[in-house]
Amino acid sequence: YADSVKGRFTISRDNAKNTVYLQMNSLKPEDTAVYYCAAVQTT
């Protein structure tokens, strides 16, 4: 996690559903943005 979101955001994934999640709690005005997900194949 980025330091700015550590302890507030949680990333998780369900490979059976081909879905990744971002749970965002204790949101702040500085969290305002367009959020993108991205994928990269790794070994």
All heavy atoms as atom14 arrays in JSON, in Angstrom:
{
  "sequence": "YADSVKGRFTISRDNAKNTVYLQMNSLKPEDTAVYYCAAVQTT",
  "atom14_mask": [
    [1, 1, 1, 1, 1, 1, 1, 1, 1, 1, 1, 1, 0, 0],
    [1, 1, 1, 1, 1, 0, 0, 0, 0, 0, 0, 0, 0, 0],
    [1, 1, 1, 1, 1, 1, 1, 1, 0, 0, 0, 0, 0, 0],
    [1, 1, 1, 1, 1, 1, 0, 0, 0, 0, 0, 0, 0, 0],
    [1, 1, 1, 1, 1, 1, 1, 0, 0, 0, 0, 0, 0, 0],
    [1, 1, 1, 1, 1, 1, 1, 1, 1, 0, 0, 0, 0, 0],
    [1, 1, 1, 1, 0, 0, 0, 0, 0, 0, 0, 0, 0, 0],
    [1, 1, 1, 1, 1, 1, 1, 1, 1, 1, 1, 0, 0, 0],
    [1, 1, 1, 1, 1, 1, 1, 1, 1, 1, 1, 0, 0, 0],
    [1, 1, 1, 1, 1, 1, 1, 0, 0, 0, 0, 0, 0, 0],
    [1, 1, 1, 1, 1, 1, 1, 1, 0, 0, 0, 0, 0, 0],
    [1, 1, 1, 1, 1, 1, 0, 0, 0, 0, 0, 0, 0, 0],
    [1, 1, 1, 1, 1, 1, 1, 1, 1, 1, 1, 0, 0, 0],
    [1, 1, 1, 1, 1, 1, 1, 1, 0, 0, 0, 0, 0, 0],
    [1, 1, 1, 1, 1, 1, 1, 1, 0, 0, 0, 0, 0, 0],
    [1, 1, 1, 1, 1, 0, 0, 0, 0, 0, 0, 0, 0, 0],
    [1, 1, 1, 1, 1, 1, 1, 1, 1, 0, 0, 0, 0, 0],
    [1, 1, 1, 1, 1, 1, 1, 1, 0, 0, 0, 0, 0, 0],
    [1, 1, 1, 1, 1, 1, 1, 0, 0, 0, 0, 0, 0, 0],
    [1, 1, 1, 1, 1, 1, 1, 0, 0, 0, 0, 0, 0, 0],
    [1, 1, 1, 1, 1, 1, 1, 1, 1, 1, 1, 1, 0, 0],
    [1, 1, 1, 1, 1, 1, 1, 1, 0, 0, 0, 0, 0, 0],
    [1, 1, 1, 1, 1, 1, 1, 1, 1, 0, 0, 0, 0, 0],
    [1, 1, 1, 1, 1, 1, 1, 1, 0, 0, 0, 0, 0, 0],
    [1, 1, 1, 1, 1, 1, 1, 1, 0, 0, 0, 0, 0, 0],
    [1, 1, 1, 1, 1, 1, 0, 0, 0, 0, 0, 0, 0, 0],
    [1, 1, 1, 1, 1, 1, 1, 1, 0, 0, 0, 0, 0, 0],
    [1, 1, 1, 1, 1, 1, 1, 1, 1, 0, 0, 0, 0, 0],
    [1, 1, 1, 1, 1, 1, 1, 0, 0, 0, 0, 0, 0, 0],
    [1, 1, 1, 1, 1, 1, 1, 1, 1, 0, 0, 0, 0, 0],
    [1, 1, 1, 1, 1, 1, 1, 1, 0, 0, 0, 0, 0, 0],
    [1, 1, 1, 1, 1, 1, 1, 0, 0, 0, 0, 0, 0, 0],
    [1, 1, 1, 1, 1, 0, 0, 0, 0, 0, 0, 0, 0, 0],
    [1, 1, 1, 1, 1, 1, 1, 0, 0, 0, 0, 0, 0, 0],
    [1, 1, 1, 1, 1, 1, 1, 1, 1, 1, 1, 1, 0, 0],
    [1, 1, 1, 1, 1, 1, 1, 1, 1, 1, 1, 1, 0, 0],
    [1, 1, 1, 1, 1, 1, 0, 0, 0, 0, 0, 0, 0, 0],
    [1, 1, 1, 1, 1, 0, 0, 0, 0, 0, 0, 0, 0, 0],
    [1, 1, 1, 1, 1, 0, 0, 0, 0, 0, 0, 0, 0, 0],
    [1, 1, 1, 1, 1, 1, 1, 0, 0, 0, 0, 0, 0, 0],
    [1, 1, 1, 1, 1, 1, 1, 1, 1, 0, 0, 0, 0, 0],
    [1, 1, 1, 1, 1, 1, 1, 0, 0, 0, 0, 0, 0, 0],
    [1, 1, 1, 1, 1, 1, 1, 0, 0, 0, 0, 0, 0, 0]
  ],
  "atom14_positions": [
    [[0.83, -1.2, 0.0], [0.0, 0.0, 0.0], [0.86, 1.25, 0.0], [1.96, 1.28, 0.59], [-0.9, 0.02, 1.24], [-1.87, -1.12, 1.31], [-1.54, -2.31, 1.96], [-3.13, -1.02, 0.71], [-2.43, -3.37, 2.02], [-4.02, -2.07, 0.76], [-3.67, -3.24, 1.41], [-4.55, -4.28, 1.45], [0.0, 0.0, 0.0], [0.0, 0.0, 0.0]],
    [[0.35, 2.29, -0.61], [0.96, 3.6, -0.47], [0.8, 4.05, 0.98], [-0.19, 3.72, 1.63], [0.3, 4.59, -1.42], [0.0, 0.0, 0.0], [0.0, 0.0, 0.0], [0.0, 0.0, 0.0], [0.0, 0.0, 0.0], [0.0, 0.0, 0.0], [0.0, 0.0, 0.0], [0.0, 0.0, 0.0], [0.0, 0.0, 0.0], [0.0, 0.0, 0.0]],
    [[1.75, 4.81, 1.45], [1.69, 5.28, 2.84], [0.43, 6.08, 3.12], [-0.13, 6.03, 4.22], [2.93, 6.12, 3.16], [4.19, 5.3, 3.29], [4.09, 4.06, 3.44], [5.29, 5.89, 3.21], [0.0, 0.0, 0.0], [0.0, 0.0, 0.0], [0.0, 0.0, 0.0], [0.0, 0.0, 0.0], [0.0, 0.0, 0.0], [0.0, 0.0, 0.0]],
    [[-0.04, 6.79, 2.12], [-1.2, 7.67, 2.3], [-2.5, 6.92, 2.55], [-3.46, 7.5, 3.04], [-1.36, 8.58, 1.08], [-1.51, 7.81, -0.09], [0.0, 0.0, 0.0], [0.0, 0.0, 0.0], [0.0, 0.0, 0.0], [0.0, 0.0, 0.0], [0.0, 0.0, 0.0], [0.0, 0.0, 0.0], [0.0, 0.0, 0.0], [0.0, 0.0, 0.0]],
    [[-2.53, 5.63, 2.21], [-3.77, 4.87, 2.37], [-3.62, 3.69, 3.34], [-4.6, 3.02, 3.65], [-4.3, 4.35, 1.02], [-4.43, 5.49, 0.02], [-3.41, 3.24, 0.46], [0.0, 0.0, 0.0], [0.0, 0.0, 0.0], [0.0, 0.0, 0.0], [0.0, 0.0, 0.0], [0.0, 0.0, 0.0], [0.0, 0.0, 0.0], [0.0, 0.0, 0.0]],
    [[-2.41, 3.46, 3.79], [-2.15, 2.32, 4.67], [-3.02, 2.42, 5.92], [-3.11, 3.46, 6.55], [-0.67, 2.3, 5.03], [-0.14, 0.95, 5.47], [1.37, 1.0, 5.6], [2.06, 1.21, 4.27], [3.53, 1.19, 4.39], [0.0, 0.0, 0.0], [0.0, 0.0, 0.0], [0.0, 0.0, 0.0], [0.0, 0.0, 0.0], [0.0, 0.0, 0.0]],
    [[-3.66, 1.31, 6.27], [-4.53, 1.27, 7.44], [-5.96, 1.68, 7.15], [-6.84, 1.49, 7.98], [0.0, 0.0, 0.0], [0.0, 0.0, 0.0], [0.0, 0.0, 0.0], [0.0, 0.0, 0.0], [0.0, 0.0, 0.0], [0.0, 0.0, 0.0], [0.0, 0.0, 0.0], [0.0, 0.0, 0.0], [0.0, 0.0, 0.0], [0.0, 0.0, 0.0]],
    [[-6.2, 2.28, 5.97], [-7.55, 2.7, 5.6], [-8.1, 1.91, 4.42], [-9.31, 1.65, 4.36], [-7.56, 4.19, 5.24], [-7.1, 5.1, 6.36], [-7.32, 6.57, 5.98], [-6.52, 6.98, 4.82], [-7.05, 7.51, 3.71], [-8.36, 7.68, 3.61], [-6.26, 7.88, 2.72], [0.0, 0.0, 0.0], [0.0, 0.0, 0.0], [0.0, 0.0, 0.0]],
    [[-7.25, 1.53, 3.48], [-7.66, 0.8, 2.28], [-7.19, -0.65, 2.37], [-6.13, -0.94, 2.94], [-7.05, 1.43, 1.03], [-7.57, 2.79, 0.66], [-8.38, 3.53, 1.52], [-7.25, 3.35, -0.56], [-8.86, 4.78, 1.17], [-7.72, 4.59, -0.93], [-8.51, 5.31, -0.06], [0.0, 0.0, 0.0], [0.0, 0.0, 0.0], [0.0, 0.0, 0.0]],
    [[-7.98, -1.53, 1.76], [-7.62, -2.95, 1.7], [-7.86, -3.46, 0.29], [-8.97, -3.34, -0.24], [-8.44, -3.78, 2.68], [-8.25, -3.28, 4.02], [-8.0, -5.24, 2.64], [0.0, 0.0, 0.0], [0.0, 0.0, 0.0], [0.0, 0.0, 0.0], [0.0, 0.0, 0.0], [0.0, 0.0, 0.0], [0.0, 0.0, 0.0], [0.0, 0.0, 0.0]],
    [[-6.83, -4.05, -0.3], [-6.96, -4.67, -1.62], [-7.12, -6.17, -1.44], [-6.5, -6.78, -0.56], [-5.75, -4.33, -2.52], [-5.98, -4.81, -3.95], [-4.46, -4.9, -1.94], [-4.92, -4.33, -4.94], [0.0, 0.0, 0.0], [0.0, 0.0, 0.0], [0.0, 0.0, 0.0], [0.0, 0.0, 0.0], [0.0, 0.0, 0.0], [0.0, 0.0, 0.0]],
    [[-7.97, -6.76, -2.26], [-8.18, -8.21, -2.21], [-8.57, -8.68, -3.6], [-8.88, -7.87, -4.48], [-9.26, -8.58, -1.18], [-10.51, -8.0, -1.53], [0.0, 0.0, 0.0], [0.0, 0.0, 0.0], [0.0, 0.0, 0.0], [0.0, 0.0, 0.0], [0.0, 0.0, 0.0], [0.0, 0.0, 0.0], [0.0, 0.0, 0.0], [0.0, 0.0, 0.0]],
    [[-8.56, -9.98, -3.79], [-8.95, -10.52, -5.09], [-9.63, -11.85, -4.92], [-9.39, -12.58, -3.95], [-7.73, -10.66, -6.01], [-6.71, -11.69, -5.58], [-5.45, -11.58, -6.43], [-5.71, -11.94, -7.83], [-4.9, -11.58, -8.83], [-3.81, -10.86, -8.6], [-5.19, -11.96, -10.07], [0.0, 0.0, 0.0], [0.0, 0.0, 0.0], [0.0, 0.0, 0.0]],
    [[-10.5, -12.15, -5.87], [-11.19, -13.44, -5.93], [-10.91, -14.0, -7.32], [-11.55, -13.59, -8.3], [-12.68, -13.24, -5.68], [-13.43, -14.56, -5.62], [-12.93, -15.58, -6.14], [-14.53, -14.57, -5.06], [0.0, 0.0, 0.0], [0.0, 0.0, 0.0], [0.0, 0.0, 0.0], [0.0, 0.0, 0.0], [0.0, 0.0, 0.0], [0.0, 0.0, 0.0]],
    [[-9.95, -14.9, -7.42], [-9.56, -15.41, -8.73], [-10.68, -16.25, -9.37], [-10.75, -16.35, -10.59], [-8.28, -16.22, -8.62], [-7.06, -15.34, -8.41], [-7.11, -14.12, -8.64], [-5.97, -15.93, -7.96], [0.0, 0.0, 0.0], [0.0, 0.0, 0.0], [0.0, 0.0, 0.0], [0.0, 0.0, 0.0], [0.0, 0.0, 0.0], [0.0, 0.0, 0.0]],
    [[-11.53, -16.82, -8.56], [-12.64, -17.59, -9.11], [-13.64, -16.68, -9.82], [-14.34, -17.11, -10.74], [-13.33, -18.37, -8.01], [0.0, 0.0, 0.0], [0.0, 0.0, 0.0], [0.0, 0.0, 0.0], [0.0, 0.0, 0.0], [0.0, 0.0, 0.0], [0.0, 0.0, 0.0], [0.0, 0.0, 0.0], [0.0, 0.0, 0.0], [0.0, 0.0, 0.0]],
    [[-13.72, -15.42, -9.37], [-14.65, -14.45, -9.96], [-13.93, -13.47, -10.89], [-14.56, -12.54, -11.4], [-15.38, -13.69, -8.87], [-16.28, -14.55, -8.01], [-17.04, -13.7, -6.99], [-17.99, -14.58, -6.17], [-18.73, -13.77, -5.15], [0.0, 0.0, 0.0], [0.0, 0.0, 0.0], [0.0, 0.0, 0.0], [0.0, 0.0, 0.0], [0.0, 0.0, 0.0]],
    [[-12.62, -13.64, -11.06], [-11.85, -12.73, -11.91], [-12.04, -11.28, -11.5], [-12.2, -10.39, -12.36], [-12.22, -12.9, -13.39], [-11.68, -14.18, -13.98], [-11.0, -14.95, -13.29], [-11.98, -14.41, -15.23], [0.0, 0.0, 0.0], [0.0, 0.0, 0.0], [0.0, 0.0, 0.0], [0.0, 0.0, 0.0], [0.0, 0.0, 0.0], [0.0, 0.0, 0.0]],
    [[-12.0, -11.03, -10.22], [-12.3, -9.69, -9.71], [-11.3, -9.3, -8.62], [-10.93, -10.13, -7.79], [-13.73, -9.62, -9.16], [-14.65, -10.0, -10.18], [-14.07, -8.21, -8.69], [0.0, 0.0, 0.0], [0.0, 0.0, 0.0], [0.0, 0.0, 0.0], [0.0, 0.0, 0.0], [0.0, 0.0, 0.0], [0.0, 0.0, 0.0], [0.0, 0.0, 0.0]],
    [[-10.9, -8.03, -8.67], [-10.09, -7.46, -7.61], [-10.88, -6.32, -6.98], [-11.65, -5.64, -7.66], [-8.72, -6.99, -8.14], [-8.87, -5.87, -9.15], [-7.79, -6.58, -7.01], [0.0, 0.0, 0.0], [0.0, 0.0, 0.0], [0.0, 0.0, 0.0], [0.0, 0.0, 0.0], [0.0, 0.0, 0.0], [0.0, 0.0, 0.0], [0.0, 0.0, 0.0]],
    [[-10.7, -6.14, -5.69], [-11.47, -5.16, -4.93], [-10.54, -4.16, -4.23], [-9.39, -4.46, -3.93], [-12.33, -5.86, -3.86], [-13.22, -6.93, -4.41], [-12.82, -8.27, -4.38], [-14.46, -6.63, -4.95], [-13.64, -9.28, -4.87], [-15.28, -7.63, -5.46], [-14.87, -8.95, -5.41], [-15.68, -9.93, -5.91], [0.0, 0.0, 0.0], [0.0, 0.0, 0.0]],
    [[-11.09, -3.0, -3.97], [-10.41, -2.02, -3.13], [-11.43, -1.49, -2.14], [-12.33, -0.72, -2.51], [-9.81, -0.88, -3.94], [-8.96, 0.1, -3.13], [-7.69, -0.57, -2.63], [-8.61, 1.34, -3.97], [0.0, 0.0, 0.0], [0.0, 0.0, 0.0], [0.0, 0.0, 0.0], [0.0, 0.0, 0.0], [0.0, 0.0, 0.0], [0.0, 0.0, 0.0]],
    [[-11.32, -1.93, -0.89], [-12.17, -1.42, 0.17], [-11.54, -0.17, 0.74], [-10.4, -0.2, 1.21], [-12.34, -2.48, 1.27], [-13.18, -2.02, 2.44], [-14.63, -1.79, 2.08], [-15.23, -2.57, 1.36], [-15.2, -0.69, 2.56], [0.0, 0.0, 0.0], [0.0, 0.0, 0.0], [0.0, 0.0, 0.0], [0.0, 0.0, 0.0], [0.0, 0.0, 0.0]],
    [[-12.28, 0.93, 0.69], [-11.75, 2.22, 1.13], [-12.57, 2.71, 2.31], [-13.77, 2.97, 2.17], [-11.8, 3.23, -0.03], [-11.1, 2.74, -1.28], [-11.02, 4.0, -2.58], [-12.74, 4.19, -2.96], [0.0, 0.0, 0.0], [0.0, 0.0, 0.0], [0.0, 0.0, 0.0], [0.0, 0.0, 0.0], [0.0, 0.0, 0.0], [0.0, 0.0, 0.0]],
    [[-11.94, 2.82, 3.45], [-12.58, 3.3, 4.67], [-11.96, 4.62, 5.11], [-10.86, 4.98, 4.67], [-12.44, 2.26, 5.78], [-13.09, 0.94, 5.44], [-14.1, 0.89, 4.73], [-12.53, -0.15, 5.94], [0.0, 0.0, 0.0], [0.0, 0.0, 0.0], [0.0, 0.0, 0.0], [0.0, 0.0, 0.0], [0.0, 0.0, 0.0], [0.0, 0.0, 0.0]],
    [[-12.65, 5.31, 5.98], [-12.16, 6.58, 6.54], [-11.69, 7.51, 5.43], [-10.6, 8.09, 5.49], [-11.01, 6.32, 7.53], [-11.43, 5.47, 8.58], [0.0, 0.0, 0.0], [0.0, 0.0, 0.0], [0.0, 0.0, 0.0], [0.0, 0.0, 0.0], [0.0, 0.0, 0.0], [0.0, 0.0, 0.0], [0.0, 0.0, 0.0], [0.0, 0.0, 0.0]],
    [[-12.51, 7.65, 4.42], [-12.12, 8.44, 3.25], [-11.95, 9.91, 3.6], [-12.65, 10.46, 4.46], [-13.17, 8.28, 2.15], [-13.05, 6.95, 1.38], [-14.34, 6.65, 0.64], [-11.88, 7.0, 0.42], [0.0, 0.0, 0.0], [0.0, 0.0, 0.0], [0.0, 0.0, 0.0], [0.0, 0.0, 0.0], [0.0, 0.0, 0.0], [0.0, 0.0, 0.0]],
    [[-11.0, 10.53, 2.91], [-10.66, 11.93, 3.11], [-10.85, 12.69, 1.79], [-10.76, 12.09, 0.72], [-9.2, 12.06, 3.55], [-8.84, 11.25, 4.78], [-7.35, 11.34, 5.05], [-6.95, 10.51, 6.26], [-5.48, 10.59, 6.53], [0.0, 0.0, 0.0], [0.0, 0.0, 0.0], [0.0, 0.0, 0.0], [0.0, 0.0, 0.0], [0.0, 0.0, 0.0]],
    [[-11.07, 13.99, 1.86], [-11.2, 14.76, 0.61], [-9.99, 14.58, -0.32], [-10.16, 14.59, -1.55], [-11.32, 16.2, 1.11], [-11.96, 16.07, 2.45], [-11.37, 14.82, 3.04], [0.0, 0.0, 0.0], [0.0, 0.0, 0.0], [0.0, 0.0, 0.0], [0.0, 0.0, 0.0], [0.0, 0.0, 0.0], [0.0, 0.0, 0.0], [0.0, 0.0, 0.0]],
    [[-8.82, 14.4, 0.24], [-7.62, 14.22, -0.6], [-7.58, 12.87, -1.32], [-6.7, 12.64, -2.14], [-6.34, 14.41, 0.21], [-6.28, 13.62, 1.5], [-6.71, 14.43, 2.71], [-7.71, 15.19, 2.62], [-6.03, 14.32, 3.76], [0.0, 0.0, 0.0], [0.0, 0.0, 0.0], [0.0, 0.0, 0.0], [0.0, 0.0, 0.0], [0.0, 0.0, 0.0]],
    [[-8.53, 11.99, -1.01], [-8.65, 10.73, -1.76], [-9.44, 10.92, -3.05], [-9.53, 9.97, -3.86], [-9.35, 9.67, -0.91], [-8.54, 9.25, 0.31], [-7.31, 9.08, 0.17], [-9.15, 9.08, 1.39], [0.0, 0.0, 0.0], [0.0, 0.0, 0.0], [0.0, 0.0, 0.0], [0.0, 0.0, 0.0], [0.0, 0.0, 0.0], [0.0, 0.0, 0.0]],
    [[-9.98, 12.09, -3.26], [-10.74, 12.37, -4.48], [-9.85, 12.23, -5.71], [-8.79, 12.84, -5.8], [-11.33, 13.79, -4.42], [-12.28, 13.85, -3.35], [-12.02, 14.14, -5.73], [0.0, 0.0, 0.0], [0.0, 0.0, 0.0], [0.0, 0.0, 0.0], [0.0, 0.0, 0.0], [0.0, 0.0, 0.0], [0.0, 0.0, 0.0], [0.0, 0.0, 0.0]],
    [[-10.29, 11.4, -6.64], [-9.51, 11.13, -7.85], [-10.28, 10.16, -8.73], [-11.3, 9.59, -8.3], [-8.15, 10.52, -7.49], [0.0, 0.0, 0.0], [0.0, 0.0, 0.0], [0.0, 0.0, 0.0], [0.0, 0.0, 0.0], [0.0, 0.0, 0.0], [0.0, 0.0, 0.0], [0.0, 0.0, 0.0], [0.0, 0.0, 0.0], [0.0, 0.0, 0.0]],
    [[-9.77, 9.96, -9.93], [-10.22, 8.85, -10.76], [-9.35, 7.65, -10.39], [-8.12, 7.74, -10.4], [-10.1, 9.16, -12.25], [-10.53, 7.94, -13.08], [-10.96, 10.37, -12.61], [0.0, 0.0, 0.0], [0.0, 0.0, 0.0], [0.0, 0.0, 0.0], [0.0, 0.0, 0.0], [0.0, 0.0, 0.0], [0.0, 0.0, 0.0], [0.0, 0.0, 0.0]],
    [[-10.0, 6.54, -10.08], [-9.3, 5.33, -9.68], [-9.29, 4.34, -10.83], [-10.32, 4.07, -11.45], [-9.97, 4.72, -8.45], [-9.63, 5.45, -7.18], [-10.14, 6.73, -6.93], [-8.79, 4.89, -6.22], [-9.81, 7.42, -5.76], [-8.46, 5.57, -5.06], [-8.97, 6.83, -4.84], [-8.65, 7.5, -3.68], [0.0, 0.0, 0.0], [0.0, 0.0, 0.0]],
    [[-8.11, 3.79, -11.07], [-7.91, 2.83, -12.15], [-7.38, 1.51, -11.6], [-6.55, 1.51, -10.71], [-6.88, 3.36, -13.15], [-7.22, 4.66, -13.82], [-6.86, 5.88, -13.23], [-7.89, 4.69, -15.04], [-7.16, 7.08, -13.85], [-8.2, 5.89, -15.66], [-7.83, 7.08, -15.05], [-8.13, 8.26, -15.66], [0.0, 0.0, 0.0], [0.0, 0.0, 0.0]],
    [[-7.86, 0.42, -12.18], [-7.2, -0.84, -11.89], [-6.33, -1.21, -13.09], [-6.58, -0.77, -14.22], [-8.18, -1.96, -11.56], [-9.17, -2.55, -12.92], [0.0, 0.0, 0.0], [0.0, 0.0, 0.0], [0.0, 0.0, 0.0], [0.0, 0.0, 0.0], [0.0, 0.0, 0.0], [0.0, 0.0, 0.0], [0.0, 0.0, 0.0], [0.0, 0.0, 0.0]],
    [[-5.32, -2.01, -12.83], [-4.37, -2.38, -13.86], [-3.87, -3.8, -13.62], [-3.9, -4.29, -12.47], [-3.19, -1.4, -13.87], [0.0, 0.0, 0.0], [0.0, 0.0, 0.0], [0.0, 0.0, 0.0], [0.0, 0.0, 0.0], [0.0, 0.0, 0.0], [0.0, 0.0, 0.0], [0.0, 0.0, 0.0], [0.0, 0.0, 0.0], [0.0, 0.0, 0.0]],
    [[-3.41, -4.43, -14.69], [-2.97, -5.82, -14.62], [-1.63, -5.99, -15.32], [-1.38, -5.36, -16.36], [-4.01, -6.74, -15.26], [0.0, 0.0, 0.0], [0.0, 0.0, 0.0], [0.0, 0.0, 0.0], [0.0, 0.0, 0.0], [0.0, 0.0, 0.0], [0.0, 0.0, 0.0], [0.0, 0.0, 0.0], [0.0, 0.0, 0.0], [0.0, 0.0, 0.0]],
    [[-0.8, -6.84, -14.75], [0.47, -7.19, -15.38], [0.77, -8.65, -15.06], [0.62, -9.1, -13.92], [1.61, -6.27, -14.9], [1.8, -6.32, -13.4], [2.92, -6.61, -15.62], [0.0, 0.0, 0.0], [0.0, 0.0, 0.0], [0.0, 0.0, 0.0], [0.0, 0.0, 0.0], [0.0, 0.0, 0.0], [0.0, 0.0, 0.0], [0.0, 0.0, 0.0]],
    [[1.21, -9.37, -16.08], [1.53, -10.78, -15.87], [2.88, -10.88, -15.17], [3.84, -10.19, -15.55], [1.57, -11.52, -17.2], [1.54, -13.03, -17.05], [1.25, -13.72, -18.35], [1.45, -13.16, -19.44], [0.76, -14.94, -18.28], [0.0, 0.0, 0.0], [0.0, 0.0, 0.0], [0.0, 0.0, 0.0], [0.0, 0.0, 0.0], [0.0, 0.0, 0.0]],
    [[2.96, -11.71, -14.15], [4.21, -11.88, -13.42], [4.58, -13.36, -13.34], [3.72, -14.23, -13.44], [4.12, -11.31, -12.0], [3.05, -11.97, -11.3], [3.85, -9.81, -12.02], [0.0, 0.0, 0.0], [0.0, 0.0, 0.0], [0.0, 0.0, 0.0], [0.0, 0.0, 0.0], [0.0, 0.0, 0.0], [0.0, 0.0, 0.0], [0.0, 0.0, 0.0]],
    [[5.87, -13.59, -13.16], [6.36, -14.96, -13.12], [6.1, -15.62, -11.77], [5.73, -16.81, -11.69], [7.87, -14.99, -13.41], [8.09, -14.41, -14.7], [8.42, -16.41, -13.37], [0.0, 0.0, 0.0], [0.0, 0.0, 0.0], [0.0, 0.0, 0.0], [0.0, 0.0, 0.0], [0.0, 0.0, 0.0], [0.0, 0.0, 0.0], [0.0, 0.0, 0.0]]
  ]
}
